PDB file of N, CA and C in Angstrom:
ATOM      1  N   UNK A   1       1.981 -53.680 -39.992  1.00  0.00           N
ATOM      2  CA  UNK A   1       1.269 -54.731 -39.268  1.00  0.00           C
ATOM      3  C   UNK A   1       1.941 -56.083 -39.524  1.00  0.00           C
ATOM      4  N   UNK A   2       1.993 -56.917 -38.495  1.00  0.00           N
ATOM      5  CA  UNK A   2       2.572 -58.260 -38.615  1.00  0.00           C
ATOM      6  C   UNK A   2       1.477 -59.272 -38.940  1.00  0.00           C
ATOM      7  N   UNK A   3       1.820 -60.264 -39.755  1.00  0.00           N
ATOM      8  CA  UNK A   3       0.865 -61.322 -40.093  1.00  0.00           C
ATOM      9  C   UNK A   3       0.705 -62.270 -38.910  1.00  0.00           C
ATOM     10  N   UNK A   4      -0.527 -62.730 -38.698  1.00  0.00           N
ATOM     11  CA  UNK A   4      -0.831 -63.724 -37.665  1.00  0.00           C
ATOM     12  C   UNK A   4      -1.218 -65.000 -38.389  1.00  0.00           C
ATOM     13  N   UNK A   5      -0.504 -66.094 -38.088  1.00  0.00           N
ATOM     14  CA  UNK A   5      -0.740 -67.359 -38.786  1.00  0.00           C
ATOM     15  C   UNK A   5      -1.353 -68.399 -37.867  1.00  0.00           C
ATOM     16  N   UNK A   6      -2.229 -69.195 -38.423  1.00  0.00           N
ATOM     17  CA  UNK A   6      -2.877 -70.298 -37.726  1.00  0.00           C
ATOM     18  C   UNK A   6      -1.822 -71.340 -37.333  1.00  0.00           C
ATOM     19  N   UNK A   7      -1.915 -71.891 -36.112  1.00  0.00           N
ATOM     20  CA  UNK A   7      -0.880 -72.814 -35.631  1.00  0.00           C
ATOM     21  C   UNK A   7      -1.147 -74.282 -35.938  1.00  0.00           C
ATOM     22  N   UNK A   8      -2.398 -74.655 -36.202  1.00  0.00           N
ATOM     23  CA  UNK A   8      -2.754 -76.050 -36.489  1.00  0.00           C
ATOM     24  C   UNK A   8      -3.865 -76.093 -37.533  1.00  0.00           C
ATOM     25  N   UNK A   9      -3.952 -77.173 -38.288  1.00  0.00           N
ATOM     26  CA  UNK A   9      -5.078 -77.348 -39.208  1.00  0.00           C
ATOM     27  C   UNK A   9      -6.379 -77.282 -38.415  1.00  0.00           C
ATOM     28  N   UNK A  10      -7.412 -76.675 -38.999  1.00  0.00           N
ATOM     29  CA  UNK A  10      -8.681 -76.594 -38.290  1.00  0.00           C
ATOM     30  C   UNK A  10      -9.762 -75.910 -39.098  1.00  0.00           C
ATOM     31  N   UNK A  11     -10.829 -75.543 -38.392  1.00  0.00           N
ATOM     32  CA  UNK A  11     -11.997 -74.916 -39.014  1.00  0.00           C
ATOM     33  C   UNK A  11     -12.346 -73.650 -38.236  1.00  0.00           C
ATOM     34  N   UNK A  12     -12.547 -72.552 -38.943  1.00  0.00           N
ATOM     35  CA  UNK A  12     -12.915 -71.284 -38.313  1.00  0.00           C
ATOM     36  C   UNK A  12     -14.332 -71.410 -37.754  1.00  0.00           C
ATOM     37  N   UNK A  13     -14.478 -71.177 -36.443  1.00  0.00           N
ATOM     38  CA  UNK A  13     -15.804 -71.241 -35.821  1.00  0.00           C
ATOM     39  C   UNK A  13     -16.321 -69.850 -35.451  1.00  0.00           C
ATOM     40  N   UNK A  14     -15.436 -68.847 -35.480  1.00  0.00           N
ATOM     41  CA  UNK A  14     -15.859 -67.464 -35.264  1.00  0.00           C
ATOM     42  C   UNK A  14     -14.826 -66.543 -35.900  1.00  0.00           C
ATOM     43  N   UNK A  15     -15.302 -65.539 -36.581  1.00  0.00           N
ATOM     44  CA  UNK A  15     -14.451 -64.489 -37.138  1.00  0.00           C
ATOM     45  C   UNK A  15     -15.264 -63.209 -37.120  1.00  0.00           C
ATOM     46  N   UNK A  16     -14.909 -62.300 -36.214  1.00  0.00           N
ATOM     47  CA  UNK A  16     -15.674 -61.073 -36.101  1.00  0.00           C
ATOM     48  C   UNK A  16     -15.197 -60.218 -34.951  1.00  0.00           C
ATOM     49  N   UNK A  17     -16.077 -59.316 -34.504  1.00  0.00           N
ATOM     50  CA  UNK A  17     -15.729 -58.381 -33.438  1.00  0.00           C
ATOM     51  C   UNK A  17     -16.321 -58.817 -32.110  1.00  0.00           C
ATOM     52  N   UNK A  18     -15.561 -58.567 -31.062  1.00  0.00           N
ATOM     53  CA  UNK A  18     -16.000 -58.788 -29.689  1.00  0.00           C
ATOM     54  C   UNK A  18     -15.877 -57.453 -28.966  1.00  0.00           C
ATOM     55  N   UNK A  19     -16.849 -57.124 -28.122  1.00  0.00           N
ATOM     56  CA  UNK A  19     -16.795 -55.846 -27.413  1.00  0.00           C
ATOM     57  C   UNK A  19     -15.589 -55.766 -26.478  1.00  0.00           C
ATOM     58  N   UNK A  20     -15.128 -56.899 -25.973  1.00  0.00           N
ATOM     59  CA  UNK A  20     -13.999 -56.894 -25.036  1.00  0.00           C
ATOM     60  C   UNK A  20     -12.651 -57.158 -25.707  1.00  0.00           C
ATOM     61  N   UNK A  21     -12.642 -57.945 -26.772  1.00  0.00           N
ATOM     62  CA  UNK A  21     -11.376 -58.386 -27.363  1.00  0.00           C
ATOM     63  C   UNK A  21     -11.076 -57.788 -28.731  1.00  0.00           C
ATOM     64  N   UNK A  22     -11.979 -56.981 -29.267  1.00  0.00           N
ATOM     65  CA  UNK A  22     -11.768 -56.415 -30.597  1.00  0.00           C
ATOM     66  C   UNK A  22     -12.006 -57.454 -31.678  1.00  0.00           C
ATOM     67  N   UNK A  23     -11.191 -57.432 -32.707  1.00  0.00           N
ATOM     68  CA  UNK A  23     -11.338 -58.386 -33.815  1.00  0.00           C
ATOM     69  C   UNK A  23     -10.736 -59.722 -33.401  1.00  0.00           C
ATOM     70  N   UNK A  24     -11.531 -60.786 -33.583  1.00  0.00           N
ATOM     71  CA  UNK A  24     -11.183 -62.112 -33.064  1.00  0.00           C
ATOM     72  C   UNK A  24     -11.415 -63.187 -34.119  1.00  0.00           C
ATOM     73  N   UNK A  25     -10.516 -64.184 -34.131  1.00  0.00           N
ATOM     74  CA  UNK A  25     -10.707 -65.394 -34.923  1.00  0.00           C
ATOM     75  C   UNK A  25     -10.547 -66.574 -33.971  1.00  0.00           C
ATOM     76  N   UNK A  26     -11.527 -67.490 -33.996  1.00  0.00           N
ATOM     77  CA  UNK A  26     -11.464 -68.713 -33.188  1.00  0.00           C
ATOM     78  C   UNK A  26     -11.454 -69.894 -34.150  1.00  0.00           C
ATOM     79  N   UNK A  27     -10.491 -70.805 -33.941  1.00  0.00           N
ATOM     80  CA  UNK A  27     -10.347 -71.972 -34.808  1.00  0.00           C
ATOM     81  C   UNK A  27     -10.494 -73.237 -33.973  1.00  0.00           C
ATOM     82  N   UNK A  28     -11.332 -74.171 -34.446  1.00  0.00           N
ATOM     83  CA  UNK A  28     -11.497 -75.481 -33.802  1.00  0.00           C
ATOM     84  C   UNK A  28     -10.566 -76.468 -34.493  1.00  0.00           C
ATOM     85  N   UNK A  29      -9.917 -77.293 -33.682  1.00  0.00           N
ATOM     86  CA  UNK A  29      -8.969 -78.286 -34.184  1.00  0.00           C
ATOM     87  C   UNK A  29      -9.400 -79.667 -33.706  1.00  0.00           C
ATOM     88  N   UNK A  30      -8.770 -80.704 -34.228  1.00  0.00           N
ATOM     89  CA  UNK A  30      -9.088 -82.063 -33.780  1.00  0.00           C
ATOM     90  C   UNK A  30      -8.726 -82.210 -32.304  1.00  0.00           C
ATOM     91  N   UNK A  31      -9.310 -83.200 -31.653  1.00  0.00           N
ATOM     92  CA  UNK A  31      -9.021 -83.449 -30.247  1.00  0.00           C
ATOM     93  C   UNK A  31      -9.641 -82.439 -29.307  1.00  0.00           C
ATOM     94  N   UNK A  32     -10.761 -81.828 -29.715  1.00  0.00           N
ATOM     95  CA  UNK A  32     -11.478 -80.843 -28.899  1.00  0.00           C
ATOM     96  C   UNK A  32     -10.588 -79.676 -28.473  1.00  0.00           C
ATOM     97  N   UNK A  33      -9.736 -79.237 -29.386  1.00  0.00           N
ATOM     98  CA  UNK A  33      -8.850 -78.103 -29.132  1.00  0.00           C
ATOM     99  C   UNK A  33      -9.343 -76.889 -29.904  1.00  0.00           C
ATOM    100  N   UNK A  34      -9.180 -75.705 -29.282  1.00  0.00           N
ATOM    101  CA  UNK A  34      -9.524 -74.437 -29.918  1.00  0.00           C
ATOM    102  C   UNK A  34      -8.377 -73.454 -29.714  1.00  0.00           C
ATOM    103  N   UNK A  35      -8.150 -72.607 -30.710  1.00  0.00           N
ATOM    104  CA  UNK A  35      -7.213 -71.503 -30.550  1.00  0.00           C
ATOM    105  C   UNK A  35      -7.955 -70.203 -30.815  1.00  0.00           C
ATOM    106  N   UNK A  36      -7.557 -69.168 -30.067  1.00  0.00           N
ATOM    107  CA  UNK A  36      -8.186 -67.856 -30.163  1.00  0.00           C
ATOM    108  C   UNK A  36      -7.103 -66.832 -30.488  1.00  0.00           C
ATOM    109  N   UNK A  37      -7.345 -66.047 -31.521  1.00  0.00           N
ATOM    110  CA  UNK A  37      -6.453 -64.963 -31.921  1.00  0.00           C
ATOM    111  C   UNK A  37      -7.256 -63.675 -31.743  1.00  0.00           C
ATOM    112  N   UNK A  38      -6.899 -62.840 -30.768  1.00  0.00           N
ATOM    113  CA  UNK A  38      -7.688 -61.645 -30.464  1.00  0.00           C
ATOM    114  C   UNK A  38      -6.804 -60.400 -30.448  1.00  0.00           C
ATOM    115  N   UNK A  39      -7.444 -59.257 -30.601  1.00  0.00           N
ATOM    116  CA  UNK A  39      -6.723 -57.997 -30.658  1.00  0.00           C
ATOM    117  C   UNK A  39      -6.155 -57.734 -32.039  1.00  0.00           C
ATOM    118  N   UNK A  40      -6.724 -58.396 -33.034  1.00  0.00           N
ATOM    119  CA  UNK A  40      -6.253 -58.235 -34.408  1.00  0.00           C
ATOM    120  C   UNK A  40      -6.585 -56.837 -34.921  1.00  0.00           C
ATOM    121  N   UNK A  41      -5.692 -56.269 -35.711  1.00  0.00           N
ATOM    122  CA  UNK A  41      -5.991 -54.987 -36.353  1.00  0.00           C
ATOM    123  C   UNK A  41      -6.836 -55.214 -37.603  1.00  0.00           C
ATOM    124  N   UNK A  42      -6.705 -56.427 -38.173  1.00  0.00           N
ATOM    125  CA  UNK A  42      -7.466 -56.769 -39.373  1.00  0.00           C
ATOM    126  C   UNK A  42      -7.632 -58.285 -39.438  1.00  0.00           C
ATOM    127  N   UNK A  43      -8.831 -58.728 -39.785  1.00  0.00           N
ATOM    128  CA  UNK A  43      -9.076 -60.147 -40.063  1.00  0.00           C
ATOM    129  C   UNK A  43      -8.899 -60.332 -41.564  1.00  0.00           C
ATOM    130  N   UNK A  44      -8.160 -61.358 -41.958  1.00  0.00           N
ATOM    131  CA  UNK A  44      -7.941 -61.613 -43.386  1.00  0.00           C
ATOM    132  C   UNK A  44      -9.295 -61.731 -44.091  1.00  0.00           C
ATOM    133  N   UNK A  45      -9.438 -61.146 -45.283  1.00  0.00           N
ATOM    134  CA  UNK A  45     -10.737 -61.103 -45.965  1.00  0.00           C
ATOM    135  C   UNK A  45     -11.332 -62.471 -46.287  1.00  0.00           C
ATOM    136  N   UNK A  46     -10.513 -63.492 -46.443  1.00  0.00           N
ATOM    137  CA  UNK A  46     -11.038 -64.821 -46.781  1.00  0.00           C
ATOM    138  C   UNK A  46     -11.254 -65.705 -45.556  1.00  0.00           C
ATOM    139  N   UNK A  47     -11.114 -65.151 -44.363  1.00  0.00           N
ATOM    140  CA  UNK A  47     -11.391 -65.903 -43.133  1.00  0.00           C
ATOM    141  C   UNK A  47     -12.863 -65.716 -42.785  1.00  0.00           C
ATOM    142  N   UNK A  48     -13.614 -66.783 -42.922  1.00  0.00           N
ATOM    143  CA  UNK A  48     -15.059 -66.770 -42.657  1.00  0.00           C
ATOM    144  C   UNK A  48     -15.417 -67.981 -41.810  1.00  0.00           C
ATOM    145  N   UNK A  49     -16.455 -67.855 -40.999  1.00  0.00           N
ATOM    146  CA  UNK A  49     -16.938 -68.976 -40.199  1.00  0.00           C
ATOM    147  C   UNK A  49     -17.260 -70.153 -41.111  1.00  0.00           C
ATOM    148  N   UNK A  50     -16.762 -71.334 -40.734  1.00  0.00           N
ATOM    149  CA  UNK A  50     -17.000 -72.549 -41.505  1.00  0.00           C
ATOM    150  C   UNK A  50     -15.868 -72.919 -42.445  1.00  0.00           C
ATOM    151  N   UNK A  51     -14.950 -71.998 -42.681  1.00  0.00           N
ATOM    152  CA  UNK A  51     -13.839 -72.273 -43.609  1.00  0.00           C
ATOM    153  C   UNK A  51     -12.777 -73.148 -42.941  1.00  0.00           C
ATOM    154  N   UNK A  52     -12.330 -74.170 -43.656  1.00  0.00           N
ATOM    155  CA  UNK A  52     -11.230 -75.013 -43.178  1.00  0.00           C
ATOM    156  C   UNK A  52      -9.918 -74.346 -43.574  1.00  0.00           C
ATOM    157  N   UNK A  53      -8.991 -74.273 -42.614  1.00  0.00           N
ATOM    158  CA  UNK A  53      -7.695 -73.656 -42.882  1.00  0.00           C
ATOM    159  C   UNK A  53      -6.572 -74.552 -42.370  1.00  0.00           C
ATOM    160  N   UNK A  54      -5.437 -74.433 -43.015  1.00  0.00           N
ATOM    161  CA  UNK A  54      -4.276 -75.244 -42.652  1.00  0.00           C
ATOM    162  C   UNK A  54      -3.322 -74.467 -41.755  1.00  0.00           C
ATOM    163  N   UNK A  55      -2.421 -75.207 -41.118  1.00  0.00           N
ATOM    164  CA  UNK A  55      -1.374 -74.604 -40.304  1.00  0.00           C
ATOM    165  C   UNK A  55      -0.584 -73.628 -41.179  1.00  0.00           C
ATOM    166  N   UNK A  56      -0.300 -72.452 -40.636  1.00  0.00           N
ATOM    167  CA  UNK A  56       0.467 -71.452 -41.366  1.00  0.00           C
ATOM    168  C   UNK A  56      -0.364 -70.477 -42.181  1.00  0.00           C
ATOM    169  N   UNK A  57      -1.667 -70.722 -42.279  1.00  0.00           N
ATOM    170  CA  UNK A  57      -2.557 -69.842 -43.038  1.00  0.00           C
ATOM    171  C   UNK A  57      -2.712 -68.515 -42.286  1.00  0.00           C
ATOM    172  N   UNK A  58      -2.640 -67.415 -42.987  1.00  0.00           N
ATOM    173  CA  UNK A  58      -2.770 -66.099 -42.357  1.00  0.00           C
ATOM    174  C   UNK A  58      -4.233 -65.846 -41.996  1.00  0.00           C
ATOM    175  N   UNK A  59      -4.484 -65.608 -40.687  1.00  0.00           N
ATOM    176  CA  UNK A  59      -5.848 -65.331 -40.221  1.00  0.00           C
ATOM    177  C   UNK A  59      -6.101 -63.837 -40.082  1.00  0.00           C
ATOM    178  N   UNK A  60      -5.028 -63.054 -40.003  1.00  0.00           N
ATOM    179  CA  UNK A  60      -5.187 -61.619 -39.862  1.00  0.00           C
ATOM    180  C   UNK A  60      -3.860 -60.926 -39.649  1.00  0.00           C
ATOM    181  N   UNK A  61      -3.957 -59.679 -39.176  1.00  0.00           N
ATOM    182  CA  UNK A  61      -2.768 -58.877 -38.884  1.00  0.00           C
ATOM    183  C   UNK A  61      -2.922 -58.245 -37.507  1.00  0.00           C
ATOM    184  N   UNK A  62      -1.775 -57.915 -36.906  1.00  0.00           N
ATOM    185  CA  UNK A  62      -1.770 -57.296 -35.586  1.00  0.00           C
ATOM    186  C   UNK A  62      -0.768 -56.145 -35.592  1.00  0.00           C
ATOM    187  N   UNK A  63      -1.102 -55.071 -34.876  1.00  0.00           N
ATOM    188  CA  UNK A  63      -0.197 -53.921 -34.806  1.00  0.00           C
ATOM    189  C   UNK A  63       0.869 -54.126 -33.734  1.00  0.00           C
ATOM    190  N   UNK A  64       0.477 -54.295 -32.482  1.00  0.00           N
ATOM    191  CA  UNK A  64       1.483 -54.406 -31.421  1.00  0.00           C
ATOM    192  C   UNK A  64       1.253 -55.575 -30.471  1.00  0.00           C
ATOM    193  N   UNK A  65       0.011 -55.853 -30.103  1.00  0.00           N
ATOM    194  CA  UNK A  65      -0.263 -56.909 -29.124  1.00  0.00           C
ATOM    195  C   UNK A  65      -1.289 -57.900 -29.652  1.00  0.00           C
ATOM    196  N   UNK A  66      -0.962 -59.167 -29.499  1.00  0.00           N
ATOM    197  CA  UNK A  66      -1.874 -60.249 -29.873  1.00  0.00           C
ATOM    198  C   UNK A  66      -2.229 -61.029 -28.621  1.00  0.00           C
ATOM    199  N   UNK A  67      -3.499 -61.320 -28.426  1.00  0.00           N
ATOM    200  CA  UNK A  67      -3.918 -62.219 -27.358  1.00  0.00           C
ATOM    201  C   UNK A  67      -4.122 -63.575 -28.017  1.00  0.00           C
ATOM    202  N   UNK A  68      -3.279 -64.539 -27.652  1.00  0.00           N
ATOM    203  CA  UNK A  68      -3.341 -65.884 -28.220  1.00  0.00           C
ATOM    204  C   UNK A  68      -3.651 -66.853 -27.093  1.00  0.00           C
ATOM    205  N   UNK A  69      -4.696 -67.638 -27.283  1.00  0.00           N
ATOM    206  CA  UNK A  69      -5.158 -68.562 -26.244  1.00  0.00           C
ATOM    207  C   UNK A  69      -5.423 -69.918 -26.866  1.00  0.00           C
ATOM    208  N   UNK A  70      -5.175 -70.975 -26.092  1.00  0.00           N
ATOM    209  CA  UNK A  70      -5.457 -72.333 -26.563  1.00  0.00           C
ATOM    210  C   UNK A  70      -6.173 -73.105 -25.467  1.00  0.00           C
ATOM    211  N   UNK A  71      -7.183 -73.883 -25.877  1.00  0.00           N
ATOM    212  CA  UNK A  71      -7.901 -74.735 -24.927  1.00  0.00           C
ATOM    213  C   UNK A  71      -8.017 -76.145 -25.499  1.00  0.00           C
ATOM    214  N   UNK A  72      -8.068 -77.107 -24.591  1.00  0.00           N
ATOM    215  CA  UNK A  72      -8.321 -78.497 -24.965  1.00  0.00           C
ATOM    216  C   UNK A  72      -9.326 -79.029 -23.960  1.00  0.00           C
ATOM    217  N   UNK A  73     -10.418 -79.602 -24.471  1.00  0.00           N
ATOM    218  CA  UNK A  73     -11.514 -80.054 -23.608  1.00  0.00           C
ATOM    219  C   UNK A  73     -11.976 -78.929 -22.684  1.00  0.00           C
ATOM    220  N   UNK A  74     -12.043 -77.720 -23.218  1.00  0.00           N
ATOM    221  CA  UNK A  74     -12.492 -76.509 -22.514  1.00  0.00           C
ATOM    222  C   UNK A  74     -11.570 -76.077 -21.378  1.00  0.00           C
ATOM    223  N   UNK A  75     -10.361 -76.615 -21.310  1.00  0.00           N
ATOM    224  CA  UNK A  75      -9.387 -76.219 -20.285  1.00  0.00           C
ATOM    225  C   UNK A  75      -8.206 -75.544 -20.969  1.00  0.00           C
ATOM    226  N   UNK A  76      -7.732 -74.464 -20.351  1.00  0.00           N
ATOM    227  CA  UNK A  76      -6.609 -73.730 -20.925  1.00  0.00           C
ATOM    228  C   UNK A  76      -5.348 -74.586 -20.932  1.00  0.00           C
ATOM    229  N   UNK A  77      -4.593 -74.481 -22.027  1.00  0.00           N
ATOM    230  CA  UNK A  77      -3.293 -75.143 -22.121  1.00  0.00           C
ATOM    231  C   UNK A  77      -2.258 -74.088 -22.498  1.00  0.00           C
ATOM    232  N   UNK A  78      -0.993 -74.408 -22.306  1.00  0.00           N
ATOM    233  CA  UNK A  78       0.080 -73.471 -22.624  1.00  0.00           C
ATOM    234  C   UNK A  78       0.180 -73.309 -24.142  1.00  0.00           C
ATOM    235  N   UNK A  79      -0.158 -72.124 -24.682  1.00  0.00           N
ATOM    236  CA  UNK A  79      -0.137 -71.941 -26.137  1.00  0.00           C
ATOM    237  C   UNK A  79       1.274 -71.956 -26.723  1.00  0.00           C
ATOM    238  N   UNK A  80       2.282 -71.733 -25.903  1.00  0.00           N
ATOM    239  CA  UNK A  80       3.656 -71.740 -26.415  1.00  0.00           C
ATOM    240  C   UNK A  80       4.048 -73.108 -26.961  1.00  0.00           C
ATOM    241  N   UNK A  81       3.402 -74.155 -26.480  1.00  0.00           N
ATOM    242  CA  UNK A  81       3.689 -75.504 -26.969  1.00  0.00           C
ATOM    243  C   UNK A  81       3.217 -75.699 -28.412  1.00  0.00           C
ATOM    244  N   UNK A  82       2.358 -74.808 -28.895  1.00  0.00           N
ATOM    245  CA  UNK A  82       1.810 -74.922 -30.247  1.00  0.00           C
ATOM    246  C   UNK A  82       2.572 -74.091 -31.273  1.00  0.00           C
ATOM    247  N   UNK A  83       3.423 -73.191 -30.792  1.00  0.00           N
ATOM    248  CA  UNK A  83       4.114 -72.263 -31.683  1.00  0.00           C
ATOM    249  C   UNK A  83       5.451 -72.843 -32.113  1.00  0.00           C
ATOM    250  N   UNK A  84       5.675 -72.840 -33.422  1.00  0.00           N
ATOM    251  CA  UNK A  84       6.966 -73.265 -33.971  1.00  0.00           C
ATOM    252  C   UNK A  84       7.663 -72.028 -34.512  1.00  0.00           C
ATOM    253  N   UNK A  85       8.806 -71.734 -33.948  1.00  0.00           N
ATOM    254  CA  UNK A  85       9.544 -70.521 -34.345  1.00  0.00           C
ATOM    255  C   UNK A  85      10.673 -70.897 -35.281  1.00  0.00           C
TER     256      UNK A  85
END
């Protein structure tokens, strides 16, 4: 499994299962931005709702496919702009 890392400093607002997306972590960031990590094979054990996490913090693991989404002011934005390779 590959590690999935948080892209920006923020606060976990959801960490759990979704009937449609499987295991999901949602992080709120400054500027009314949110990132969604879905399709995780495992959520990291220390990722809990309300926890503040920094950029690069491991939120979970993924086997083959990750659904990564970013929104600002409830509108979708290109998540590739947030990824540093």
